[in-house]
Amino acid sequence: MVFDTDEGTVFQIRPQHRNEEVREVIPADYGGVMVTDRARQFGTKLKELLRGSIQVQLWREKKQGDVPDYGERVEKIEVTLTHHLRNRTLKDDGNQRLLNGIGGQNDRGNVLRFLQEPGIEPTHNRAERALRPAAIARKVSQCSKNERGAYAFAAFVSLAQTFRKNPAASVPQPFLGLLRNGTSTAASL
């Protein structure tokens, strides 16, 4: 699991990725918006609606400046998606679970939130890009085969990615401090 912001990155390697694990990292009074990976298959139309370039292009246009008919275009997209995610019974159990899950998120205003709040990216690509190097390194190095190795790997990758985002910070000093002080320093991160 990865938590990524402009200021820092935190990796976790856990046997489960549930709400409880997220709440260990994100405080209850967090005022921002969290974005998570979405389900990938639910029929051709839903795929077209969720992955279509119309919303992403509209988001990019809004981010670059004023879009005269922005509200009308957003409303049309929302109406189309809401109709497709209307409450109904589907024959395939997997699609029904996806409809229930995505439909519930849509009812809460989460699926197209990026169109209402342009500071939110329309995809989870940032998290995917942040997670990819760590996933590859973990598979190659065999370092997270036990809890201690997983914890050490997650701490080092979190620090490395965060220091990479803050070029003024001295990378060697925080790592040396972590090594000298052992797990107590890592636990306080």
N, C-alpha and C. Protein backbone atom coordinates (compact mmCIF):
# COMPACT_ATOMS: atom_id res chain seq x y z
N MET A 1 0.86 -1.15 0.00
CA MET A 1 0.00 0.00 0.00
C MET A 1 0.91 1.22 0.00
N VAL A 2 0.50 2.28 -0.71
CA VAL A 2 1.31 3.49 -0.76
C VAL A 2 0.42 4.70 -0.52
N PHE A 3 0.95 5.65 0.26
CA PHE A 3 0.31 6.94 0.49
C PHE A 3 1.26 7.96 -0.11
N ASP A 4 0.78 8.76 -1.06
CA ASP A 4 1.68 9.66 -1.78
C ASP A 4 1.09 11.06 -1.84
N THR A 5 1.89 12.07 -1.43
CA THR A 5 1.51 13.47 -1.55
C THR A 5 2.67 14.19 -2.21
N ASP A 6 2.52 15.48 -2.45
CA ASP A 6 3.61 16.26 -3.01
C ASP A 6 4.79 16.36 -2.04
N GLU A 7 4.52 16.23 -0.75
CA GLU A 7 5.57 16.39 0.26
C GLU A 7 6.23 15.09 0.71
N GLY A 8 5.54 13.97 0.59
CA GLY A 8 6.12 12.74 1.11
C GLY A 8 5.42 11.49 0.60
N THR A 9 6.05 10.36 0.88
CA THR A 9 5.53 9.06 0.46
C THR A 9 5.71 8.08 1.61
N VAL A 10 4.69 7.27 1.88
CA VAL A 10 4.76 6.24 2.91
C VAL A 10 4.31 4.92 2.28
N PHE A 11 5.16 3.90 2.39
CA PHE A 11 4.85 2.56 1.89
C PHE A 11 4.51 1.67 3.08
N GLN A 12 3.63 0.72 2.85
CA GLN A 12 3.35 -0.31 3.84
C GLN A 12 3.28 -1.65 3.13
N ILE A 13 3.80 -2.66 3.79
CA ILE A 13 3.66 -4.03 3.30
C ILE A 13 2.94 -4.77 4.40
N ARG A 14 1.71 -5.15 4.13
CA ARG A 14 0.85 -5.76 5.13
C ARG A 14 0.17 -6.99 4.56
N PRO A 15 -0.21 -7.92 5.40
CA PRO A 15 -0.96 -9.07 4.90
C PRO A 15 -2.37 -8.68 4.45
N GLN A 16 -2.91 -7.57 5.01
CA GLN A 16 -4.24 -7.09 4.63
C GLN A 16 -4.17 -5.60 4.39
N HIS A 17 -5.05 -5.11 3.51
CA HIS A 17 -5.17 -3.68 3.24
C HIS A 17 -6.61 -3.29 3.49
N ARG A 18 -6.91 -3.01 4.75
CA ARG A 18 -8.26 -2.67 5.13
C ARG A 18 -8.31 -1.24 5.64
N ASN A 19 -9.49 -0.82 6.01
CA ASN A 19 -9.70 0.51 6.56
C ASN A 19 -8.84 0.73 7.81
N GLU A 20 -8.69 -0.30 8.63
CA GLU A 20 -7.91 -0.18 9.86
C GLU A 20 -6.45 0.19 9.57
N GLU A 21 -5.88 -0.42 8.55
CA GLU A 21 -4.49 -0.12 8.20
C GLU A 21 -4.35 1.31 7.68
N VAL A 22 -5.32 1.75 6.92
CA VAL A 22 -5.29 3.13 6.41
C VAL A 22 -5.38 4.12 7.58
N ARG A 23 -6.27 3.84 8.53
CA ARG A 23 -6.44 4.75 9.67
C ARG A 23 -5.21 4.81 10.57
N GLU A 24 -4.33 3.83 10.50
CA GLU A 24 -3.09 3.90 11.26
C GLU A 24 -2.16 4.97 10.71
N VAL A 25 -2.30 5.29 9.43
CA VAL A 25 -1.45 6.28 8.78
C VAL A 25 -2.15 7.63 8.67
N ILE A 26 -3.42 7.62 8.30
CA ILE A 26 -4.17 8.85 8.09
C ILE A 26 -4.94 9.18 9.36
N PRO A 27 -4.70 10.36 9.96
CA PRO A 27 -5.39 10.70 11.21
C PRO A 27 -6.89 10.92 10.99
N ALA A 28 -7.66 10.74 12.03
CA ALA A 28 -9.12 10.89 11.96
C ALA A 28 -9.53 12.29 11.53
N ASP A 29 -8.72 13.28 11.86
CA ASP A 29 -9.09 14.67 11.52
C ASP A 29 -8.47 15.13 10.19
N TYR A 30 -8.04 14.19 9.35
CA TYR A 30 -7.45 14.53 8.05
C TYR A 30 -8.46 15.34 7.24
N GLY A 31 -8.04 16.52 6.77
CA GLY A 31 -8.94 17.41 6.06
C GLY A 31 -8.88 17.29 4.55
N GLY A 32 -8.01 16.46 4.03
CA GLY A 32 -7.85 16.33 2.58
C GLY A 32 -8.78 15.28 1.99
N VAL A 33 -8.54 14.98 0.74
CA VAL A 33 -9.32 13.97 0.03
C VAL A 33 -8.39 12.84 -0.35
N MET A 34 -8.81 11.60 -0.07
CA MET A 34 -8.00 10.44 -0.42
C MET A 34 -8.55 9.82 -1.70
N VAL A 35 -7.64 9.35 -2.54
CA VAL A 35 -8.01 8.71 -3.79
C VAL A 35 -7.48 7.28 -3.74
N THR A 36 -8.24 6.36 -4.23
CA THR A 36 -7.84 4.96 -4.20
C THR A 36 -8.05 4.32 -5.57
N ASP A 37 -7.46 3.19 -5.74
CA ASP A 37 -7.60 2.44 -6.98
C ASP A 37 -9.06 2.00 -7.15
N ARG A 38 -9.53 1.98 -8.38
CA ARG A 38 -10.91 1.57 -8.68
C ARG A 38 -10.96 0.18 -9.30
N ALA A 39 -12.10 -0.45 -9.19
CA ALA A 39 -12.28 -1.74 -9.85
C ALA A 39 -12.17 -1.56 -11.36
N ARG A 40 -11.70 -2.58 -12.07
CA ARG A 40 -11.38 -2.40 -13.48
C ARG A 40 -12.39 -2.97 -14.46
N GLN A 41 -13.25 -3.85 -14.02
CA GLN A 41 -14.15 -4.45 -15.02
C GLN A 41 -15.58 -4.40 -14.53
N PHE A 42 -16.43 -3.94 -15.34
CA PHE A 42 -17.86 -3.96 -15.04
C PHE A 42 -18.67 -3.81 -16.32
N GLY A 43 -18.19 -4.30 -17.38
CA GLY A 43 -18.91 -4.17 -18.63
C GLY A 43 -18.33 -3.05 -19.47
N THR A 44 -18.58 -3.14 -20.73
CA THR A 44 -18.00 -2.21 -21.69
C THR A 44 -18.42 -0.78 -21.45
N LYS A 45 -19.68 -0.56 -21.15
CA LYS A 45 -20.15 0.81 -20.99
C LYS A 45 -19.56 1.48 -19.75
N LEU A 46 -19.53 0.76 -18.64
CA LEU A 46 -18.96 1.35 -17.44
C LEU A 46 -17.49 1.66 -17.65
N LYS A 47 -16.79 0.74 -18.30
CA LYS A 47 -15.38 0.98 -18.61
C LYS A 47 -15.23 2.24 -19.45
N GLU A 48 -16.07 2.37 -20.44
CA GLU A 48 -16.04 3.56 -21.30
C GLU A 48 -16.32 4.82 -20.50
N LEU A 49 -17.30 4.75 -19.61
CA LEU A 49 -17.66 5.93 -18.81
C LEU A 49 -16.57 6.32 -17.82
N LEU A 50 -16.00 5.33 -17.16
CA LEU A 50 -15.00 5.63 -16.13
C LEU A 50 -13.62 5.92 -16.70
N ARG A 51 -13.26 5.26 -17.77
CA ARG A 51 -11.92 5.42 -18.32
C ARG A 51 -11.90 6.29 -19.55
N GLY A 52 -13.06 6.77 -19.94
CA GLY A 52 -13.14 7.61 -21.13
C GLY A 52 -12.31 8.87 -20.97
N SER A 53 -11.82 9.35 -22.08
CA SER A 53 -10.96 10.53 -22.04
C SER A 53 -11.77 11.82 -21.92
N ILE A 54 -13.09 11.74 -22.02
CA ILE A 54 -13.91 12.95 -21.96
C ILE A 54 -13.73 13.65 -20.61
N GLN A 55 -13.86 12.91 -19.51
CA GLN A 55 -13.73 13.50 -18.19
C GLN A 55 -12.31 14.01 -17.94
N VAL A 56 -11.32 13.20 -18.33
CA VAL A 56 -9.93 13.57 -18.10
C VAL A 56 -9.59 14.82 -18.92
N GLN A 57 -10.04 14.87 -20.16
CA GLN A 57 -9.79 16.04 -20.99
C GLN A 57 -10.47 17.27 -20.40
N LEU A 58 -11.69 17.11 -19.93
CA LEU A 58 -12.43 18.21 -19.31
C LEU A 58 -11.70 18.69 -18.05
N TRP A 59 -11.18 17.75 -17.25
CA TRP A 59 -10.42 18.10 -16.05
C TRP A 59 -9.17 18.90 -16.43
N ARG A 60 -8.47 18.46 -17.48
CA ARG A 60 -7.27 19.17 -17.93
C ARG A 60 -7.60 20.58 -18.41
N GLU A 61 -8.68 20.71 -19.17
CA GLU A 61 -9.10 22.03 -19.65
C GLU A 61 -9.38 22.96 -18.48
N LYS A 62 -10.11 22.47 -17.47
CA LYS A 62 -10.46 23.27 -16.30
C LYS A 62 -9.20 23.66 -15.53
N LYS A 63 -8.26 22.76 -15.44
CA LYS A 63 -7.02 23.04 -14.71
C LYS A 63 -6.20 24.13 -15.41
N GLN A 64 -6.32 24.19 -16.75
CA GLN A 64 -5.56 25.18 -17.52
C GLN A 64 -6.24 26.54 -17.55
N GLY A 65 -7.52 26.60 -17.26
CA GLY A 65 -8.20 27.89 -17.28
C GLY A 65 -9.71 27.72 -17.26
N ASP A 66 -10.41 28.81 -17.54
CA ASP A 66 -11.86 28.83 -17.49
C ASP A 66 -12.46 28.07 -18.68
N VAL A 67 -13.46 27.25 -18.41
CA VAL A 67 -14.18 26.51 -19.45
C VAL A 67 -15.63 27.01 -19.38
N PRO A 68 -16.07 27.77 -20.40
CA PRO A 68 -17.39 28.41 -20.35
C PRO A 68 -18.55 27.47 -20.06
N ASP A 69 -18.60 26.30 -20.65
CA ASP A 69 -19.73 25.39 -20.46
C ASP A 69 -19.37 24.23 -19.52
N TYR A 70 -18.43 24.46 -18.61
CA TYR A 70 -17.93 23.40 -17.74
C TYR A 70 -19.05 22.75 -16.93
N GLY A 71 -19.87 23.53 -16.29
CA GLY A 71 -20.95 23.00 -15.44
C GLY A 71 -21.90 22.13 -16.22
N GLU A 72 -22.26 22.54 -17.41
CA GLU A 72 -23.18 21.76 -18.26
C GLU A 72 -22.54 20.44 -18.68
N ARG A 73 -21.27 20.48 -19.04
CA ARG A 73 -20.57 19.27 -19.46
C ARG A 73 -20.43 18.28 -18.30
N VAL A 74 -20.10 18.80 -17.12
CA VAL A 74 -19.98 17.95 -15.93
C VAL A 74 -21.33 17.32 -15.61
N GLU A 75 -22.39 18.11 -15.67
CA GLU A 75 -23.72 17.58 -15.36
C GLU A 75 -24.11 16.47 -16.32
N LYS A 76 -23.81 16.63 -17.60
CA LYS A 76 -24.14 15.60 -18.59
C LYS A 76 -23.40 14.29 -18.27
N ILE A 77 -22.12 14.39 -17.92
CA ILE A 77 -21.33 13.21 -17.57
C ILE A 77 -21.90 12.55 -16.32
N GLU A 78 -22.23 13.36 -15.30
CA GLU A 78 -22.76 12.82 -14.05
C GLU A 78 -24.10 12.13 -14.25
N VAL A 79 -24.98 12.71 -15.06
CA VAL A 79 -26.29 12.12 -15.33
C VAL A 79 -26.12 10.77 -16.04
N THR A 80 -25.23 10.72 -17.03
CA THR A 80 -25.01 9.48 -17.79
C THR A 80 -24.46 8.39 -16.87
N LEU A 81 -23.47 8.72 -16.05
CA LEU A 81 -22.88 7.73 -15.15
C LEU A 81 -23.88 7.28 -14.10
N THR A 82 -24.62 8.23 -13.52
CA THR A 82 -25.59 7.89 -12.48
C THR A 82 -26.68 6.97 -13.03
N HIS A 83 -27.09 7.21 -14.26
CA HIS A 83 -28.09 6.32 -14.87
C HIS A 83 -27.52 4.91 -15.03
N HIS A 84 -26.29 4.81 -15.47
CA HIS A 84 -25.69 3.48 -15.66
C HIS A 84 -25.49 2.76 -14.33
N LEU A 85 -25.26 3.52 -13.26
CA LEU A 85 -25.03 2.93 -11.95
C LEU A 85 -26.30 2.87 -11.10
N ARG A 86 -27.44 3.03 -11.72
CA ARG A 86 -28.70 2.98 -10.98
C ARG A 86 -28.83 1.62 -10.29
N ASN A 87 -29.59 1.59 -9.22
CA ASN A 87 -29.78 0.38 -8.44
C ASN A 87 -30.60 -0.64 -9.25
N ARG A 88 -30.02 -1.79 -9.51
CA ARG A 88 -30.69 -2.86 -10.25
C ARG A 88 -29.97 -4.17 -9.96
N THR A 89 -30.55 -5.26 -10.39
CA THR A 89 -29.96 -6.58 -10.19
C THR A 89 -29.33 -7.05 -11.48
N LEU A 90 -28.05 -7.42 -11.41
CA LEU A 90 -27.33 -7.94 -12.57
C LEU A 90 -27.17 -9.45 -12.42
N LYS A 91 -27.04 -10.15 -13.52
CA LYS A 91 -26.95 -11.61 -13.50
C LYS A 91 -25.61 -12.10 -12.99
N ASP A 92 -24.53 -11.40 -13.30
CA ASP A 92 -23.19 -11.81 -12.90
C ASP A 92 -22.88 -11.29 -11.50
N ASP A 93 -22.50 -12.18 -10.59
CA ASP A 93 -22.22 -11.80 -9.20
C ASP A 93 -21.09 -10.78 -9.10
N GLY A 94 -20.05 -10.97 -9.90
CA GLY A 94 -18.92 -10.04 -9.87
C GLY A 94 -19.35 -8.64 -10.31
N ASN A 95 -20.10 -8.57 -11.39
CA ASN A 95 -20.59 -7.27 -11.85
C ASN A 95 -21.54 -6.65 -10.84
N GLN A 96 -22.33 -7.47 -10.16
CA GLN A 96 -23.25 -6.94 -9.14
C GLN A 96 -22.48 -6.31 -8.00
N ARG A 97 -21.41 -7.00 -7.55
CA ARG A 97 -20.58 -6.43 -6.49
C ARG A 97 -19.96 -5.11 -6.93
N LEU A 98 -19.48 -5.06 -8.18
CA LEU A 98 -18.91 -3.82 -8.68
C LEU A 98 -19.96 -2.72 -8.79
N LEU A 99 -21.14 -3.08 -9.29
CA LEU A 99 -22.22 -2.09 -9.37
C LEU A 99 -22.55 -1.55 -7.99
N ASN A 100 -22.67 -2.44 -7.03
CA ASN A 100 -22.99 -2.01 -5.66
C ASN A 100 -21.88 -1.12 -5.09
N GLY A 101 -20.64 -1.53 -5.31
CA GLY A 101 -19.51 -0.76 -4.76
C GLY A 101 -19.32 0.57 -5.45
N ILE A 102 -19.26 0.57 -6.77
CA ILE A 102 -19.05 1.81 -7.51
C ILE A 102 -20.29 2.68 -7.41
N GLY A 103 -21.47 2.05 -7.45
CA GLY A 103 -22.71 2.82 -7.31
C GLY A 103 -22.77 3.52 -5.97
N GLY A 104 -22.36 2.84 -4.91
CA GLY A 104 -22.33 3.46 -3.58
C GLY A 104 -21.35 4.63 -3.53
N GLN A 105 -20.19 4.45 -4.15
CA GLN A 105 -19.21 5.55 -4.20
C GLN A 105 -19.75 6.72 -5.03
N ASN A 106 -20.45 6.40 -6.11
CA ASN A 106 -21.05 7.46 -6.93
C ASN A 106 -22.13 8.20 -6.14
N ASP A 107 -22.94 7.45 -5.38
CA ASP A 107 -23.98 8.09 -4.55
C ASP A 107 -23.37 9.06 -3.54
N ARG A 108 -22.15 8.77 -3.09
CA ARG A 108 -21.46 9.65 -2.13
C ARG A 108 -20.71 10.79 -2.83
N GLY A 109 -20.72 10.79 -4.16
CA GLY A 109 -20.04 11.85 -4.91
C GLY A 109 -18.56 11.62 -5.10
N ASN A 110 -18.09 10.37 -4.94
CA ASN A 110 -16.66 10.10 -4.98
C ASN A 110 -16.11 9.75 -6.36
N VAL A 111 -16.93 9.20 -7.25
CA VAL A 111 -16.43 8.69 -8.52
C VAL A 111 -15.93 9.82 -9.42
N LEU A 112 -16.68 10.89 -9.51
CA LEU A 112 -16.30 12.01 -10.37
C LEU A 112 -15.90 13.24 -9.56
N ARG A 113 -15.46 13.02 -8.34
CA ARG A 113 -15.09 14.15 -7.47
C ARG A 113 -14.05 15.06 -8.12
N PHE A 114 -13.18 14.48 -8.94
CA PHE A 114 -12.14 15.28 -9.58
C PHE A 114 -12.72 16.36 -10.50
N LEU A 115 -13.94 16.18 -10.97
CA LEU A 115 -14.57 17.21 -11.80
C LEU A 115 -15.09 18.36 -10.96
N GLN A 116 -15.39 18.09 -9.69
CA GLN A 116 -15.85 19.15 -8.78
C GLN A 116 -14.67 19.84 -8.09
N GLU A 117 -13.60 19.11 -7.89
CA GLU A 117 -12.41 19.62 -7.21
C GLU A 117 -11.20 19.38 -8.10
N PRO A 118 -10.89 20.32 -8.99
CA PRO A 118 -9.82 20.12 -9.97
C PRO A 118 -8.44 19.82 -9.39
N GLY A 119 -8.21 20.06 -8.10
CA GLY A 119 -6.94 19.72 -7.48
C GLY A 119 -6.75 18.22 -7.32
N ILE A 120 -7.83 17.46 -7.45
CA ILE A 120 -7.77 16.00 -7.34
C ILE A 120 -7.53 15.43 -8.73
N GLU A 121 -6.55 14.56 -8.85
CA GLU A 121 -6.23 13.96 -10.14
C GLU A 121 -7.32 12.96 -10.53
N PRO A 122 -7.61 12.82 -11.83
CA PRO A 122 -8.68 11.92 -12.26
C PRO A 122 -8.32 10.44 -12.26
N THR A 123 -7.07 10.11 -12.07
CA THR A 123 -6.66 8.70 -12.07
C THR A 123 -5.82 8.42 -10.84
N HIS A 124 -5.54 7.17 -10.61
CA HIS A 124 -4.65 6.76 -9.52
C HIS A 124 -3.23 6.51 -10.03
N ASN A 125 -2.89 7.09 -11.17
CA ASN A 125 -1.58 6.85 -11.78
C ASN A 125 -0.43 7.26 -10.88
N ARG A 126 -0.61 8.34 -10.10
CA ARG A 126 0.46 8.78 -9.20
C ARG A 126 0.81 7.66 -8.23
N ALA A 127 -0.20 7.05 -7.64
CA ALA A 127 0.05 5.95 -6.69
C ALA A 127 0.67 4.75 -7.40
N GLU A 128 0.20 4.45 -8.59
CA GLU A 128 0.76 3.33 -9.36
C GLU A 128 2.24 3.58 -9.66
N ARG A 129 2.56 4.81 -10.08
CA ARG A 129 3.97 5.13 -10.39
C ARG A 129 4.83 5.08 -9.14
N ALA A 130 4.28 5.53 -8.01
CA ALA A 130 5.05 5.51 -6.76
C ALA A 130 5.26 4.08 -6.26
N LEU A 131 4.29 3.22 -6.48
CA LEU A 131 4.36 1.86 -5.97
C LEU A 131 5.20 0.93 -6.83
N ARG A 132 5.27 1.18 -8.13
CA ARG A 132 5.94 0.26 -9.07
C ARG A 132 7.39 -0.05 -8.69
N PRO A 133 8.27 0.95 -8.45
CA PRO A 133 9.66 0.60 -8.13
C PRO A 133 9.78 -0.24 -6.86
N ALA A 134 8.96 0.07 -5.86
CA ALA A 134 9.03 -0.69 -4.61
C ALA A 134 8.56 -2.12 -4.82
N ALA A 135 7.52 -2.31 -5.62
CA ALA A 135 7.02 -3.66 -5.88
C ALA A 135 8.05 -4.49 -6.61
N ILE A 136 8.73 -3.89 -7.57
CA ILE A 136 9.76 -4.60 -8.31
C ILE A 136 10.93 -4.95 -7.40
N ALA A 137 11.39 -3.99 -6.62
CA ALA A 137 12.51 -4.23 -5.71
C ALA A 137 12.16 -5.31 -4.68
N ARG A 138 10.95 -5.27 -4.17
CA ARG A 138 10.53 -6.27 -3.18
C ARG A 138 10.56 -7.67 -3.78
N LYS A 139 10.10 -7.80 -5.00
CA LYS A 139 10.07 -9.12 -5.64
C LYS A 139 11.49 -9.63 -5.94
N VAL A 140 12.36 -8.74 -6.35
CA VAL A 140 13.71 -9.13 -6.72
C VAL A 140 14.57 -9.42 -5.49
N SER A 141 14.40 -8.63 -4.43
CA SER A 141 15.31 -8.73 -3.29
C SER A 141 14.87 -9.74 -2.23
N GLN A 142 13.65 -10.20 -2.28
CA GLN A 142 13.14 -11.14 -1.28
C GLN A 142 13.14 -10.54 0.12
N CYS A 143 13.16 -9.19 0.24
CA CYS A 143 13.35 -8.58 1.55
C CYS A 143 12.09 -8.51 2.40
N SER A 144 10.94 -8.76 1.85
CA SER A 144 9.74 -8.65 2.68
C SER A 144 9.07 -9.99 2.89
N LYS A 145 9.88 -11.01 3.03
CA LYS A 145 9.34 -12.35 3.26
C LYS A 145 8.96 -12.54 4.74
N ASN A 146 9.41 -11.62 5.58
CA ASN A 146 9.00 -11.67 6.98
C ASN A 146 8.64 -10.26 7.42
N GLU A 147 8.04 -10.14 8.58
CA GLU A 147 7.54 -8.85 9.05
C GLU A 147 8.67 -7.83 9.25
N ARG A 148 9.78 -8.27 9.78
CA ARG A 148 10.90 -7.35 10.02
C ARG A 148 11.47 -6.81 8.71
N GLY A 149 11.65 -7.69 7.72
CA GLY A 149 12.15 -7.26 6.42
C GLY A 149 11.17 -6.33 5.71
N ALA A 150 9.89 -6.64 5.81
CA ALA A 150 8.86 -5.80 5.19
C ALA A 150 8.85 -4.42 5.83
N TYR A 151 8.95 -4.37 7.15
CA TYR A 151 8.97 -3.09 7.85
C TYR A 151 10.19 -2.26 7.46
N ALA A 152 11.36 -2.89 7.43
CA ALA A 152 12.58 -2.18 7.07
C ALA A 152 12.51 -1.66 5.64
N PHE A 153 12.05 -2.50 4.73
CA PHE A 153 11.94 -2.09 3.33
C PHE A 153 10.98 -0.92 3.19
N ALA A 154 9.80 -1.01 3.82
CA ALA A 154 8.81 0.07 3.72
C ALA A 154 9.38 1.37 4.28
N ALA A 155 10.11 1.30 5.39
CA ALA A 155 10.69 2.51 5.99
C ALA A 155 11.73 3.13 5.07
N PHE A 156 12.61 2.33 4.52
CA PHE A 156 13.65 2.86 3.64
C PHE A 156 13.06 3.46 2.37
N VAL A 157 12.10 2.78 1.76
CA VAL A 157 11.50 3.31 0.53
C VAL A 157 10.72 4.58 0.81
N SER A 158 10.02 4.63 1.94
CA SER A 158 9.29 5.85 2.31
C SER A 158 10.25 7.02 2.44
N LEU A 159 11.34 6.79 3.14
CA LEU A 159 12.34 7.87 3.31
C LEU A 159 12.95 8.28 1.98
N ALA A 160 13.35 7.32 1.19
CA ALA A 160 14.00 7.63 -0.09
C ALA A 160 13.07 8.43 -1.00
N GLN A 161 11.82 8.02 -1.12
CA GLN A 161 10.88 8.73 -1.97
C GLN A 161 10.59 10.13 -1.43
N THR A 162 10.46 10.26 -0.12
CA THR A 162 10.20 11.57 0.48
C THR A 162 11.39 12.50 0.29
N PHE A 163 12.60 12.01 0.51
CA PHE A 163 13.78 12.85 0.33
C PHE A 163 13.97 13.24 -1.13
N ARG A 164 13.59 12.37 -2.03
CA ARG A 164 13.65 12.68 -3.46
C ARG A 164 12.75 13.87 -3.81
N LYS A 165 11.65 14.01 -3.10
CA LYS A 165 10.72 15.11 -3.34
C LYS A 165 11.18 16.41 -2.69
N ASN A 166 12.09 16.32 -1.77
CA ASN A 166 12.61 17.50 -1.06
C ASN A 166 14.11 17.59 -1.28
N PRO A 167 14.53 18.13 -2.44
CA PRO A 167 15.95 18.12 -2.79
C PRO A 167 16.84 18.86 -1.80
N ALA A 168 16.29 19.78 -1.02
CA ALA A 168 17.10 20.52 -0.06
C ALA A 168 17.51 19.64 1.12
N ALA A 169 16.78 18.57 1.36
CA ALA A 169 17.09 17.68 2.48
C ALA A 169 18.32 16.84 2.15
N SER A 170 19.07 16.53 3.17
CA SER A 170 20.25 15.69 2.99
C SER A 170 19.84 14.23 3.15
N VAL A 171 19.95 13.48 2.09
CA VAL A 171 19.52 12.09 2.13
C VAL A 171 20.39 11.24 3.06
N PRO A 172 21.70 11.34 3.01
CA PRO A 172 22.49 10.44 3.85
C PRO A 172 22.25 10.61 5.35
N GLN A 173 22.08 11.82 5.84
CA GLN A 173 21.91 12.02 7.28
C GLN A 173 20.68 11.32 7.85
N PRO A 174 19.51 11.46 7.24
CA PRO A 174 18.35 10.73 7.80
C PRO A 174 18.53 9.21 7.78
N PHE A 175 19.16 8.71 6.73
CA PHE A 175 19.39 7.26 6.68
C PHE A 175 20.38 6.84 7.76
N LEU A 176 21.44 7.64 7.94
CA LEU A 176 22.41 7.31 8.98
C LEU A 176 21.76 7.35 10.36
N GLY A 177 20.91 8.34 10.59
CA GLY A 177 20.20 8.43 11.86
C GLY A 177 19.32 7.22 12.09
N LEU A 178 18.67 6.78 11.04
CA LEU A 178 17.81 5.61 11.14
C LEU A 178 18.63 4.38 11.51
N LEU A 179 19.78 4.22 10.87
CA LEU A 179 20.62 3.05 11.14
C LEU A 179 21.24 3.10 12.53
N ARG A 180 21.67 4.30 12.95
CA ARG A 180 22.30 4.41 14.27
C ARG A 180 21.31 4.17 15.41
N ASN A 181 20.10 4.67 15.24
CA ASN A 181 19.13 4.60 16.34
C ASN A 181 18.23 3.38 16.26
N GLY A 182 18.32 2.62 15.21
CA GLY A 182 17.54 1.38 15.10
C GLY A 182 16.07 1.62 14.85
N THR A 183 15.27 0.67 15.27
CA THR A 183 13.85 0.71 14.96
C THR A 183 13.08 1.79 15.70
N SER A 184 13.61 2.31 16.79
CA SER A 184 12.87 3.35 17.51
C SER A 184 12.73 4.59 16.66
N THR A 185 13.77 4.95 15.88
CA THR A 185 13.67 6.09 14.98
C THR A 185 12.70 5.80 13.85
N ALA A 186 12.79 4.61 13.30
CA ALA A 186 11.89 4.24 12.21
C ALA A 186 10.45 4.24 12.68
N ALA A 187 10.21 3.80 13.91
CA ALA A 187 8.83 3.74 14.42
C ALA A 187 8.27 5.13 14.62
N SER A 188 9.12 6.12 14.85
CA SER A 188 8.61 7.48 15.06
C SER A 188 8.31 8.19 13.77
N LEU A 189 8.67 7.61 12.62
CA LEU A 189 8.39 8.24 11.34
C LEU A 189 6.98 8.17 11.08
